[in-house]
Amino acid sequence: MTTSATVDFYRYVNADWLESTELPDDEPRYGTFHELRDAAQAAAREILESDESRTAPAGSPARKIADLYAGFLDERAVE
């Protein structure tokens, strides 16, 4: 169903996004910037948990970052 821009401009502009996006239950509000944030966090996690980061030479920047991230996730060591 097509909405006229003169009747409901918000739905006219956002109808495709509203129909194709599932709003998370744990978010009080959600939009394209939230999607970008989620995608950036997923990409960062993928990089940090990749085999290349964990097998980088000791002392290299990639290895230092991977070790720091692994230490942050080690709850037992933190406790």
PDB file of N, CA and C in Angstrom:
ATOM      1  N   MET A   1       0.838  -1.172   0.000  1.00  0.00           N
ATOM      2  CA  MET A   1       0.000   0.000   0.000  1.00  0.00           C
ATOM      3  C   MET A   1       0.888   1.242   0.000  1.00  0.00           C
ATOM      4  N   THR A   2       0.628   2.147  -0.875  1.00  0.00           N
ATOM      5  CA  THR A   2       1.387   3.378  -0.989  1.00  0.00           C
ATOM      6  C   THR A   2       0.663   4.489  -0.249  1.00  0.00           C
ATOM      7  N   THR A   3       1.429   5.201   0.571  1.00  0.00           N
ATOM      8  CA  THR A   3       0.874   6.318   1.318  1.00  0.00           C
ATOM      9  C   THR A   3       1.235   7.607   0.609  1.00  0.00           C
ATOM     10  N   SER A   4       0.297   8.498   0.546  1.00  0.00           N
ATOM     11  CA  SER A   4       0.532   9.791  -0.090  1.00  0.00           C
ATOM     12  C   SER A   4       1.379  10.665   0.826  1.00  0.00           C
ATOM     13  N   ALA A   5       2.299  11.390   0.245  1.00  0.00           N
ATOM     14  CA  ALA A   5       3.153  12.290   1.015  1.00  0.00           C
ATOM     15  C   ALA A   5       2.354  13.408   1.657  1.00  0.00           C
ATOM     16  N   THR A   6       1.253  13.756   1.074  1.00  0.00           N
ATOM     17  CA  THR A   6       0.450  14.841   1.644  1.00  0.00           C
ATOM     18  C   THR A   6      -0.440  14.364   2.787  1.00  0.00           C
ATOM     19  N   VAL A   7      -0.660  13.058   2.892  1.00  0.00           N
ATOM     20  CA  VAL A   7      -1.509  12.516   3.947  1.00  0.00           C
ATOM     21  C   VAL A   7      -0.683  12.136   5.172  1.00  0.00           C
ATOM     22  N   ASP A   8       0.407  11.389   4.960  1.00  0.00           N
ATOM     23  CA  ASP A   8       1.250  10.925   6.070  1.00  0.00           C
ATOM     24  C   ASP A   8       2.696  10.907   5.582  1.00  0.00           C
ATOM     25  N   PHE A   9       3.380  12.031   5.729  1.00  0.00           N
ATOM     26  CA  PHE A   9       4.733  12.145   5.198  1.00  0.00           C
ATOM     27  C   PHE A   9       5.697  11.178   5.887  1.00  0.00           C
ATOM     28  N   TYR A  10       5.562  10.996   7.198  1.00  0.00           N
ATOM     29  CA  TYR A  10       6.435  10.075   7.939  1.00  0.00           C
ATOM     30  C   TYR A  10       6.347   8.670   7.355  1.00  0.00           C
ATOM     31  N   ARG A  11       5.151   8.163   7.164  1.00  0.00           N
ATOM     32  CA  ARG A  11       4.992   6.821   6.601  1.00  0.00           C
ATOM     33  C   ARG A  11       5.424   6.794   5.134  1.00  0.00           C
ATOM     34  N   TYR A  12       5.198   7.854   4.409  1.00  0.00           N
ATOM     35  CA  TYR A  12       5.624   7.941   3.014  1.00  0.00           C
ATOM     36  C   TYR A  12       7.143   7.775   2.909  1.00  0.00           C
ATOM     37  N   VAL A  13       7.889   8.408   3.793  1.00  0.00           N
ATOM     38  CA  VAL A  13       9.351   8.371   3.761  1.00  0.00           C
ATOM     39  C   VAL A  13       9.893   7.078   4.355  1.00  0.00           C
ATOM     40  N   ASN A  14       9.296   6.571   5.424  1.00  0.00           N
ATOM     41  CA  ASN A  14       9.873   5.472   6.192  1.00  0.00           C
ATOM     42  C   ASN A  14       9.183   4.124   6.034  1.00  0.00           C
ATOM     43  N   ALA A  15       8.217   3.999   5.179  1.00  0.00           N
ATOM     44  CA  ALA A  15       7.421   2.770   5.089  1.00  0.00           C
ATOM     45  C   ALA A  15       8.279   1.533   4.843  1.00  0.00           C
ATOM     46  N   ASP A  16       9.212   1.600   3.911  1.00  0.00           N
ATOM     47  CA  ASP A  16      10.040   0.421   3.609  1.00  0.00           C
ATOM     48  C   ASP A  16      10.850  -0.005   4.819  1.00  0.00           C
ATOM     49  N   TRP A  17      11.481   0.964   5.509  1.00  0.00           N
ATOM     50  CA  TRP A  17      12.295   0.648   6.675  1.00  0.00           C
ATOM     51  C   TRP A  17      11.423   0.078   7.798  1.00  0.00           C
ATOM     52  N   LEU A  18      10.273   0.678   8.027  1.00  0.00           N
ATOM     53  CA  LEU A  18       9.380   0.216   9.083  1.00  0.00           C
ATOM     54  C   LEU A  18       8.893  -1.207   8.823  1.00  0.00           C
ATOM     55  N   GLU A  19       8.658  -1.547   7.582  1.00  0.00           N
ATOM     56  CA  GLU A  19       8.175  -2.879   7.240  1.00  0.00           C
ATOM     57  C   GLU A  19       9.284  -3.922   7.240  1.00  0.00           C
ATOM     58  N   SER A  20      10.519  -3.529   6.951  1.00  0.00           N
ATOM     59  CA  SER A  20      11.607  -4.503   6.831  1.00  0.00           C
ATOM     60  C   SER A  20      12.479  -4.623   8.074  1.00  0.00           C
ATOM     61  N   THR A  21      12.286  -3.768   9.073  1.00  0.00           N
ATOM     62  CA  THR A  21      13.137  -3.769  10.261  1.00  0.00           C
ATOM     63  C   THR A  21      12.363  -4.269  11.463  1.00  0.00           C
ATOM     64  N   GLU A  22      12.945  -5.265  12.137  1.00  0.00           N
ATOM     65  CA  GLU A  22      12.345  -5.763  13.363  1.00  0.00           C
ATOM     66  C   GLU A  22      12.934  -4.978  14.531  1.00  0.00           C
ATOM     67  N   LEU A  23      12.090  -4.371  15.322  1.00  0.00           N
ATOM     68  CA  LEU A  23      12.557  -3.568  16.441  1.00  0.00           C
ATOM     69  C   LEU A  23      12.903  -4.482  17.615  1.00  0.00           C
ATOM     70  N   PRO A  24      14.118  -4.342  18.173  1.00  0.00           N
ATOM     71  CA  PRO A  24      14.522  -5.189  19.303  1.00  0.00           C
ATOM     72  C   PRO A  24      13.689  -4.902  20.547  1.00  0.00           C
ATOM     73  N   ASP A  25      13.398  -5.951  21.307  1.00  0.00           N
ATOM     74  CA  ASP A  25      12.609  -5.796  22.526  1.00  0.00           C
ATOM     75  C   ASP A  25      13.375  -5.069  23.622  1.00  0.00           C
ATOM     76  N   ASP A  26      14.701  -5.151  23.597  1.00  0.00           N
ATOM     77  CA  ASP A  26      15.499  -4.574  24.677  1.00  0.00           C
ATOM     78  C   ASP A  26      15.945  -3.135  24.412  1.00  0.00           C
ATOM     79  N   GLU A  27      15.473  -2.530  23.342  1.00  0.00           N
ATOM     80  CA  GLU A  27      15.835  -1.157  23.013  1.00  0.00           C
ATOM     81  C   GLU A  27      14.624  -0.241  23.199  1.00  0.00           C
ATOM     82  N   PRO A  28      14.765   0.834  23.995  1.00  0.00           N
ATOM     83  CA  PRO A  28      13.634   1.747  24.154  1.00  0.00           C
ATOM     84  C   PRO A  28      13.319   2.526  22.880  1.00  0.00           C
ATOM     85  N   ARG A  29      14.326   2.692  22.032  1.00  0.00           N
ATOM     86  CA  ARG A  29      14.116   3.306  20.718  1.00  0.00           C
ATOM     87  C   ARG A  29      15.145   2.702  19.775  1.00  0.00           C
ATOM     88  N   TYR A  30      14.865   2.760  18.486  1.00  0.00           N
ATOM     89  CA  TYR A  30      15.741   2.105  17.517  1.00  0.00           C
ATOM     90  C   TYR A  30      15.637   2.812  16.186  1.00  0.00           C
ATOM     91  N   GLY A  31      16.783   3.023  15.561  1.00  0.00           N
ATOM     92  CA  GLY A  31      16.813   3.691  14.269  1.00  0.00           C
ATOM     93  C   GLY A  31      18.057   3.306  13.496  1.00  0.00           C
ATOM     94  N   THR A  32      18.309   4.021  12.435  1.00  0.00           N
ATOM     95  CA  THR A  32      19.439   3.678  11.573  1.00  0.00           C
ATOM     96  C   THR A  32      20.778   3.871  12.278  1.00  0.00           C
ATOM     97  N   PHE A  33      20.878   4.853  13.181  1.00  0.00           N
ATOM     98  CA  PHE A  33      22.137   5.025  13.909  1.00  0.00           C
ATOM     99  C   PHE A  33      22.381   3.855  14.853  1.00  0.00           C
ATOM    100  N   HIS A  34      21.313   3.289  15.396  1.00  0.00           N
ATOM    101  CA  HIS A  34      21.456   2.103  16.235  1.00  0.00           C
ATOM    102  C   HIS A  34      21.912   0.909  15.387  1.00  0.00           C
ATOM    103  N   GLU A  35      21.395   0.808  14.176  1.00  0.00           N
ATOM    104  CA  GLU A  35      21.836  -0.250  13.269  1.00  0.00           C
ATOM    105  C   GLU A  35      23.323  -0.100  12.956  1.00  0.00           C
ATOM    106  N   LEU A  36      23.766   1.126  12.707  1.00  0.00           N
ATOM    107  CA  LEU A  36      25.177   1.373  12.439  1.00  0.00           C
ATOM    108  C   LEU A  36      26.041   1.009  13.639  1.00  0.00           C
ATOM    109  N   ARG A  37      25.596   1.377  14.846  1.00  0.00           N
ATOM    110  CA  ARG A  37      26.324   1.036  16.070  1.00  0.00           C
ATOM    111  C   ARG A  37      26.448  -0.476  16.203  1.00  0.00           C
ATOM    112  N   ASP A  38      25.349  -1.193  16.017  1.00  0.00           N
ATOM    113  CA  ASP A  38      25.355  -2.646  16.146  1.00  0.00           C
ATOM    114  C   ASP A  38      26.286  -3.287  15.122  1.00  0.00           C
ATOM    115  N   ALA A  39      26.260  -2.777  13.892  1.00  0.00           N
ATOM    116  CA  ALA A  39      27.132  -3.315  12.849  1.00  0.00           C
ATOM    117  C   ALA A  39      28.606  -3.041  13.166  1.00  0.00           C
ATOM    118  N   ALA A  40      28.911  -1.857  13.681  1.00  0.00           N
ATOM    119  CA  ALA A  40      30.293  -1.518  14.037  1.00  0.00           C
ATOM    120  C   ALA A  40      30.785  -2.394  15.187  1.00  0.00           C
ATOM    121  N   GLN A  41      29.943  -2.629  16.179  1.00  0.00           N
ATOM    122  CA  GLN A  41      30.323  -3.486  17.293  1.00  0.00           C
ATOM    123  C   GLN A  41      30.550  -4.924  16.833  1.00  0.00           C
ATOM    124  N   ALA A  42      29.712  -5.402  15.945  1.00  0.00           N
ATOM    125  CA  ALA A  42      29.879  -6.762  15.423  1.00  0.00           C
ATOM    126  C   ALA A  42      31.173  -6.878  14.613  1.00  0.00           C
ATOM    127  N   ALA A  43      31.476  -5.863  13.809  1.00  0.00           N
ATOM    128  CA  ALA A  43      32.705  -5.883  13.018  1.00  0.00           C
ATOM    129  C   ALA A  43      33.937  -5.842  13.924  1.00  0.00           C
ATOM    130  N   ALA A  44      33.897  -5.018  14.959  1.00  0.00           N
ATOM    131  CA  ALA A  44      35.023  -4.940  15.901  1.00  0.00           C
ATOM    132  C   ALA A  44      35.213  -6.277  16.616  1.00  0.00           C
ATOM    133  N   ARG A  45      34.117  -6.894  17.046  1.00  0.00           N
ATOM    134  CA  ARG A  45      34.210  -8.192  17.718  1.00  0.00           C
ATOM    135  C   ARG A  45      34.808  -9.240  16.778  1.00  0.00           C
ATOM    136  N   GLU A  46      34.384  -9.221  15.530  1.00  0.00           N
ATOM    137  CA  GLU A  46      34.910 -10.191  14.555  1.00  0.00           C
ATOM    138  C   GLU A  46      36.419 -10.021  14.369  1.00  0.00           C
ATOM    139  N   ILE A  47      36.869  -8.777  14.298  1.00  0.00           N
ATOM    140  CA  ILE A  47      38.299  -8.509  14.146  1.00  0.00           C
ATOM    141  C   ILE A  47      39.059  -8.974  15.380  1.00  0.00           C
ATOM    142  N   LEU A  48      38.550  -8.627  16.563  1.00  0.00           N
ATOM    143  CA  LEU A  48      39.244  -8.959  17.807  1.00  0.00           C
ATOM    144  C   LEU A  48      39.289 -10.453  18.077  1.00  0.00           C
ATOM    145  N   GLU A  49      38.278 -11.171  17.630  1.00  0.00           N
ATOM    146  CA  GLU A  49      38.224 -12.606  17.886  1.00  0.00           C
ATOM    147  C   GLU A  49      38.750 -13.439  16.720  1.00  0.00           C
ATOM    148  N   SER A  50      39.269 -12.790  15.695  1.00  0.00           N
ATOM    149  CA  SER A  50      39.749 -13.527  14.521  1.00  0.00           C
ATOM    150  C   SER A  50      41.044 -14.276  14.845  1.00  0.00           C
ATOM    151  N   ASP A  51      41.283 -15.321  14.088  1.00  0.00           N
ATOM    152  CA  ASP A  51      42.511 -16.090  14.259  1.00  0.00           C
ATOM    153  C   ASP A  51      43.749 -15.251  13.971  1.00  0.00           C
ATOM    154  N   GLU A  52      43.636 -14.310  13.039  1.00  0.00           N
ATOM    155  CA  GLU A  52      44.777 -13.467  12.690  1.00  0.00           C
ATOM    156  C   GLU A  52      45.237 -12.633  13.887  1.00  0.00           C
ATOM    157  N   SER A  53      44.291 -12.140  14.678  1.00  0.00           N
ATOM    158  CA  SER A  53      44.642 -11.344  15.851  1.00  0.00           C
ATOM    159  C   SER A  53      45.296 -12.199  16.916  1.00  0.00           C
ATOM    160  N   ARG A  54      44.747 -13.392  17.138  1.00  0.00           N
ATOM    161  CA  ARG A  54      45.269 -14.256  18.203  1.00  0.00           C
ATOM    162  C   ARG A  54      46.587 -14.903  17.836  1.00  0.00           C
ATOM    163  N   THR A  55      46.874 -15.057  16.543  1.00  0.00           N
ATOM    164  CA  THR A  55      48.118 -15.714  16.139  1.00  0.00           C
ATOM    165  C   THR A  55      49.167 -14.719  15.655  1.00  0.00           C
ATOM    166  N   ALA A  56      48.898 -13.448  15.829  1.00  0.00           N
ATOM    167  CA  ALA A  56      49.880 -12.422  15.444  1.00  0.00           C
ATOM    168  C   ALA A  56      51.109 -12.571  16.339  1.00  0.00           C
ATOM    169  N   PRO A  57      52.265 -12.134  15.873  1.00  0.00           N
ATOM    170  CA  PRO A  57      53.488 -12.252  16.679  1.00  0.00           C
ATOM    171  C   PRO A  57      53.336 -11.533  18.029  1.00  0.00           C
ATOM    172  N   ALA A  58      53.910 -12.132  19.054  1.00  0.00           N
ATOM    173  CA  ALA A  58      53.861 -11.535  20.395  1.00  0.00           C
ATOM    174  C   ALA A  58      54.471 -10.138  20.357  1.00  0.00           C
ATOM    175  N   GLY A  59      53.815  -9.214  20.999  1.00  0.00           N
ATOM    176  CA  GLY A  59      54.299  -7.835  21.041  1.00  0.00           C
ATOM    177  C   GLY A  59      53.829  -6.959  19.908  1.00  0.00           C
ATOM    178  N   SER A  60      53.222  -7.557  18.890  1.00  0.00           N
ATOM    179  CA  SER A  60      52.704  -6.752  17.776  1.00  0.00           C
ATOM    180  C   SER A  60      51.444  -6.029  18.227  1.00  0.00           C
ATOM    181  N   PRO A  61      51.115  -4.912  17.593  1.00  0.00           N
ATOM    182  CA  PRO A  61      49.898  -4.188  17.988  1.00  0.00           C
ATOM    183  C   PRO A  61      48.635  -5.051  17.919  1.00  0.00           C
ATOM    184  N   ALA A  62      48.509  -5.873  16.884  1.00  0.00           N
ATOM    185  CA  ALA A  62      47.317  -6.723  16.750  1.00  0.00           C
ATOM    186  C   ALA A  62      47.227  -7.707  17.916  1.00  0.00           C
ATOM    187  N   ARG A  63      48.360  -8.281  18.301  1.00  0.00           N
ATOM    188  CA  ARG A  63      48.369  -9.249  19.403  1.00  0.00           C
ATOM    189  C   ARG A  63      48.088  -8.560  20.742  1.00  0.00           C
ATOM    190  N   LYS A  64      48.653  -7.380  20.938  1.00  0.00           N
ATOM    191  CA  LYS A  64      48.404  -6.646  22.184  1.00  0.00           C
ATOM    192  C   LYS A  64      46.924  -6.332  22.351  1.00  0.00           C
ATOM    193  N   ILE A  65      46.294  -5.910  21.274  1.00  0.00           N
ATOM    194  CA  ILE A  65      44.868  -5.589  21.334  1.00  0.00           C
ATOM    195  C   ILE A  65      44.051  -6.856  21.579  1.00  0.00           C
ATOM    196  N   ALA A  66      44.397  -7.948  20.895  1.00  0.00           N
ATOM    197  CA  ALA A  66      43.676  -9.210  21.085  1.00  0.00           C
ATOM    198  C   ALA A  66      43.843  -9.718  22.514  1.00  0.00           C
ATOM    199  N   ASP A  67      45.054  -9.603  23.079  1.00  0.00           N
ATOM    200  CA  ASP A  67      45.290 -10.041  24.456  1.00  0.00           C
ATOM    201  C   ASP A  67      44.515  -9.180  25.452  1.00  0.00           C
ATOM    202  N   LEU A  68      44.489  -7.880  25.222  1.00  0.00           N
ATOM    203  CA  LEU A  68      43.737  -6.980  26.091  1.00  0.00           C
ATOM    204  C   LEU A  68      42.250  -7.331  26.060  1.00  0.00           C
ATOM    205  N   TYR A  69      41.730  -7.570  24.879  1.00  0.00           N
ATOM    206  CA  TYR A  69      40.319  -7.927  24.725  1.00  0.00           C
ATOM    207  C   TYR A  69      40.025  -9.255  25.423  1.00  0.00           C
ATOM    208  N   ALA A  70      40.895 -10.250  25.247  1.00  0.00           N
ATOM    209  CA  ALA A  70      40.702 -11.556  25.888  1.00  0.00           C
ATOM    210  C   ALA A  70      40.748 -11.408  27.408  1.00  0.00           C
ATOM    211  N   GLY A  71      41.642 -10.577  27.913  1.00  0.00           N
ATOM    212  CA  GLY A  71      41.717 -10.353  29.348  1.00  0.00           C
ATOM    213  C   GLY A  71      40.471  -9.678  29.893  1.00  0.00           C
ATOM    214  N   PHE A  72      39.924  -8.778  29.115  1.00  0.00           N
ATOM    215  CA  PHE A  72      38.696  -8.089  29.506  1.00  0.00           C
ATOM    216  C   PHE A  72      37.526  -9.068  29.620  1.00  0.00           C
ATOM    217  N   LEU A  73      37.506 -10.076  28.755  1.00  0.00           N
ATOM    218  CA  LEU A  73      36.420 -11.047  28.762  1.00  0.00           C
ATOM    219  C   LEU A  73      36.601 -12.158  29.787  1.00  0.00           C
ATOM    220  N   ASP A  74      37.797 -12.291  30.366  1.00  0.00           N
ATOM    221  CA  ASP A  74      38.093 -13.359  31.318  1.00  0.00           C
ATOM    222  C   ASP A  74      37.545 -12.984  32.696  1.00  0.00           C
ATOM    223  N   GLU A  75      36.298 -13.352  32.955  1.00  0.00           N
ATOM    224  CA  GLU A  75      35.639 -12.980  34.203  1.00  0.00           C
ATOM    225  C   GLU A  75      36.315 -13.594  35.424  1.00  0.00           C
ATOM    226  N   ARG A  76      36.778 -14.818  35.301  1.00  0.00           N
ATOM    227  CA  ARG A  76      37.431 -15.480  36.422  1.00  0.00           C
ATOM    228  C   ARG A  76      38.671 -14.716  36.861  1.00  0.00           C
ATOM    229  N   ALA A  77      39.478 -14.286  35.918  1.00  0.00           N
ATOM    230  CA  ALA A  77      40.691 -13.521  36.249  1.00  0.00           C
ATOM    231  C   ALA A  77      40.344 -12.163  36.844  1.00  0.00           C
ATOM    232  N   VAL A  78      39.284 -11.551  36.355  1.00  0.00           N
ATOM    233  CA  VAL A  78      38.873 -10.253  36.878  1.00  0.00           C
ATOM    234  C   VAL A  78      38.428 -10.380  38.326  1.00  0.00           C
ATOM    235  N   GLU A  79      37.691 -11.436  38.625  1.00  0.00           N
ATOM    236  CA  GLU A  79      37.217 -11.651  39.997  1.00  0.00           C
ATOM    237  C   GLU A  79      38.374 -11.980  40.904  1.00  0.00           C
TER     238      GLU A  79
END
